[in-house]
Amino acid sequence: MLLRDAVGKELRAARVAQSRTLRDVARDARVSLGYLSEVERGQKEASSELLASICTALNIQLSTLLGDVSSQIAKNEKTTLTVVTSDAA
């Protein structure tokens, strides 16, 4: 999972939980509607300034967002084990 995907997912979840529209949050964050949509869909990687502005618009702490993103990424990380066998007879 990419960082921008996890950030977008968390931002969208926060916005939806507040029953707010993209337009409403974009206006309050002073970003374009299209850009916020791309951030939420993981198509754009937002700068720290933009993330702070969006968090302020959503009335959430940037540290909370980053903690939630970290937890989401950790859940999706999986250790892949490869078993190698020898067929020497």
C-alpha atoms as a PDB file:
ATOM      1  CA  MET A   1       0.000   0.000   0.000  1.00  0.00           C
ATOM      2  CA  LEU A   2       1.325   3.409  -0.951  1.00  0.00           C
ATOM      3  CA  LEU A   3       1.454   6.219   1.586  1.00  0.00           C
ATOM      4  CA  ARG A   4      -0.704   8.460  -0.592  1.00  0.00           C
ATOM      5  CA  ASP A   5      -3.387   5.738  -0.799  1.00  0.00           C
ATOM      6  CA  ALA A   6      -3.501   5.379   2.977  1.00  0.00           C
ATOM      7  CA  VAL A   7      -3.604   9.153   3.516  1.00  0.00           C
ATOM      8  CA  GLY A   8      -6.411   9.521   0.989  1.00  0.00           C
ATOM      9  CA  LYS A   9      -8.408   6.712   2.547  1.00  0.00           C
ATOM     10  CA  GLU A  10      -8.132   8.238   6.028  1.00  0.00           C
ATOM     11  CA  LEU A  11      -9.036  11.734   4.812  1.00  0.00           C
ATOM     12  CA  ARG A  12     -12.078  10.446   2.964  1.00  0.00           C
ATOM     13  CA  ALA A  13     -13.181   8.404   5.986  1.00  0.00           C
ATOM     14  CA  ALA A  14     -12.932  11.499   8.202  1.00  0.00           C
ATOM     15  CA  ARG A  15     -14.908  13.609   5.721  1.00  0.00           C
ATOM     16  CA  VAL A  16     -17.628  10.994   5.253  1.00  0.00           C
ATOM     17  CA  ALA A  17     -17.889  10.441   9.019  1.00  0.00           C
ATOM     18  CA  GLN A  18     -18.673  14.157   9.308  1.00  0.00           C
ATOM     19  CA  SER A  19     -21.238  13.946   6.476  1.00  0.00           C
ATOM     20  CA  ARG A  20     -19.372  16.661   4.586  1.00  0.00           C
ATOM     21  CA  THR A  21     -18.997  17.102   0.856  1.00  0.00           C
ATOM     22  CA  LEU A  22     -15.757  17.398  -1.066  1.00  0.00           C
ATOM     23  CA  ARG A  23     -16.810  20.908  -2.037  1.00  0.00           C
ATOM     24  CA  ASP A  24     -17.311  21.928   1.597  1.00  0.00           C
ATOM     25  CA  VAL A  25     -13.933  20.604   2.766  1.00  0.00           C
ATOM     26  CA  ALA A  26     -12.090  21.921  -0.303  1.00  0.00           C
ATOM     27  CA  ARG A  27     -13.499  25.402   0.340  1.00  0.00           C
ATOM     28  CA  ASP A  28     -12.540  25.328   4.025  1.00  0.00           C
ATOM     29  CA  ALA A  29      -9.063  23.941   3.245  1.00  0.00           C
ATOM     30  CA  ARG A  30      -8.591  26.456   0.417  1.00  0.00           C
ATOM     31  CA  VAL A  31      -7.733  23.797  -2.155  1.00  0.00           C
ATOM     32  CA  SER A  32      -9.442  22.990  -5.409  1.00  0.00           C
ATOM     33  CA  LEU A  33     -12.215  20.435  -5.400  1.00  0.00           C
ATOM     34  CA  GLY A  34     -10.428  18.388  -8.076  1.00  0.00           C
ATOM     35  CA  TYR A  35      -7.151  18.346  -6.168  1.00  0.00           C
ATOM     36  CA  LEU A  36      -8.804  17.244  -2.921  1.00  0.00           C
ATOM     37  CA  SER A  37     -10.614  14.508  -4.834  1.00  0.00           C
ATOM     38  CA  GLU A  38      -7.307  13.304  -6.297  1.00  0.00           C
ATOM     39  CA  VAL A  39      -5.695  13.308  -2.836  1.00  0.00           C
ATOM     40  CA  GLU A  40      -8.576  11.258  -1.414  1.00  0.00           C
ATOM     41  CA  ARG A  41      -8.295   8.750  -4.264  1.00  0.00           C
ATOM     42  CA  GLY A  42      -4.539   8.413  -3.758  1.00  0.00           C
ATOM     43  CA  GLN A  43      -3.730   9.939  -7.130  1.00  0.00           C
ATOM     44  CA  LYS A  44      -1.855  12.925  -5.708  1.00  0.00           C
ATOM     45  CA  GLU A  45       0.590  13.056  -2.832  1.00  0.00           C
ATOM     46  CA  ALA A  46      -0.239  16.091  -0.733  1.00  0.00           C
ATOM     47  CA  SER A  47       2.432  18.321   0.769  1.00  0.00           C
ATOM     48  CA  SER A  48       2.640  18.682   4.535  1.00  0.00           C
ATOM     49  CA  GLU A  49       1.159  22.186   4.226  1.00  0.00           C
ATOM     50  CA  LEU A  50      -1.796  20.886   2.258  1.00  0.00           C
ATOM     51  CA  LEU A  51      -2.352  18.008   4.690  1.00  0.00           C
ATOM     52  CA  ALA A  52      -2.317  20.454   7.595  1.00  0.00           C
ATOM     53  CA  SER A  53      -4.869  22.640   5.816  1.00  0.00           C
ATOM     54  CA  ILE A  54      -7.157  19.689   5.075  1.00  0.00           C
ATOM     55  CA  CYS A  55      -6.869  18.450   8.653  1.00  0.00           C
ATOM     56  CA  THR A  56      -7.774  21.899   9.946  1.00  0.00           C
ATOM     57  CA  ALA A  57     -10.790  21.968   7.628  1.00  0.00           C
ATOM     58  CA  LEU A  58     -11.825  18.546   8.955  1.00  0.00           C
ATOM     59  CA  ASN A  59     -11.111  19.600  12.559  1.00  0.00           C
ATOM     60  CA  ILE A  60      -8.708  16.700  13.099  1.00  0.00           C
ATOM     61  CA  GLN A  61      -5.120  16.745  14.289  1.00  0.00           C
ATOM     62  CA  LEU A  62      -2.407  16.097  11.706  1.00  0.00           C
ATOM     63  CA  SER A  63      -0.757  13.787  14.243  1.00  0.00           C
ATOM     64  CA  THR A  64      -3.993  11.783  14.503  1.00  0.00           C
ATOM     65  CA  LEU A  65      -4.173  11.438  10.725  1.00  0.00           C
ATOM     66  CA  LEU A  66      -0.558  10.303  10.524  1.00  0.00           C
ATOM     67  CA  GLY A  67      -1.022   7.847  13.404  1.00  0.00           C
ATOM     68  CA  ASP A  68      -4.085   6.341  11.719  1.00  0.00           C
ATOM     69  CA  VAL A  69      -2.202   6.115   8.415  1.00  0.00           C
ATOM     70  CA  SER A  70       0.715   4.414  10.151  1.00  0.00           C
ATOM     71  CA  SER A  71      -1.620   1.860  11.731  1.00  0.00           C
ATOM     72  CA  GLN A  72      -3.330   1.198   8.401  1.00  0.00           C
ATOM     73  CA  ILE A  73      -0.014   0.635   6.623  1.00  0.00           C
ATOM     74  CA  ALA A  74       1.242  -1.646   9.403  1.00  0.00           C
ATOM     75  CA  LYS A  75      -1.888  -3.802   9.073  1.00  0.00           C
ATOM     76  CA  ASN A  76      -1.322  -4.160   5.343  1.00  0.00           C
ATOM     77  CA  GLU A  77       2.336  -5.063   5.603  1.00  0.00           C
ATOM     78  CA  LYS A  78       2.815  -8.774   5.405  1.00  0.00           C
ATOM     79  CA  THR A  79       5.931 -10.810   5.725  1.00  0.00           C
ATOM     80  CA  THR A  80       6.253 -13.234   2.867  1.00  0.00           C
ATOM     81  CA  LEU A  81       8.112 -16.410   3.633  1.00  0.00           C
ATOM     82  CA  THR A  82       9.538 -18.510   0.856  1.00  0.00           C
ATOM     83  CA  VAL A  83      10.249 -22.176   1.522  1.00  0.00           C
ATOM     84  CA  VAL A  84      13.086 -23.562  -0.534  1.00  0.00           C
ATOM     85  CA  THR A  85      13.394 -27.298  -0.756  1.00  0.00           C
ATOM     86  CA  SER A  86      16.210 -29.330  -2.147  1.00  0.00           C
ATOM     87  CA  ASP A  87      15.368 -32.223  -4.434  1.00  0.00           C
ATOM     88  CA  ALA A  88      18.859 -33.703  -4.205  1.00  0.00           C
ATOM     89  CA  ALA A  89      18.552 -37.463  -4.253  1.00  0.00           C
END
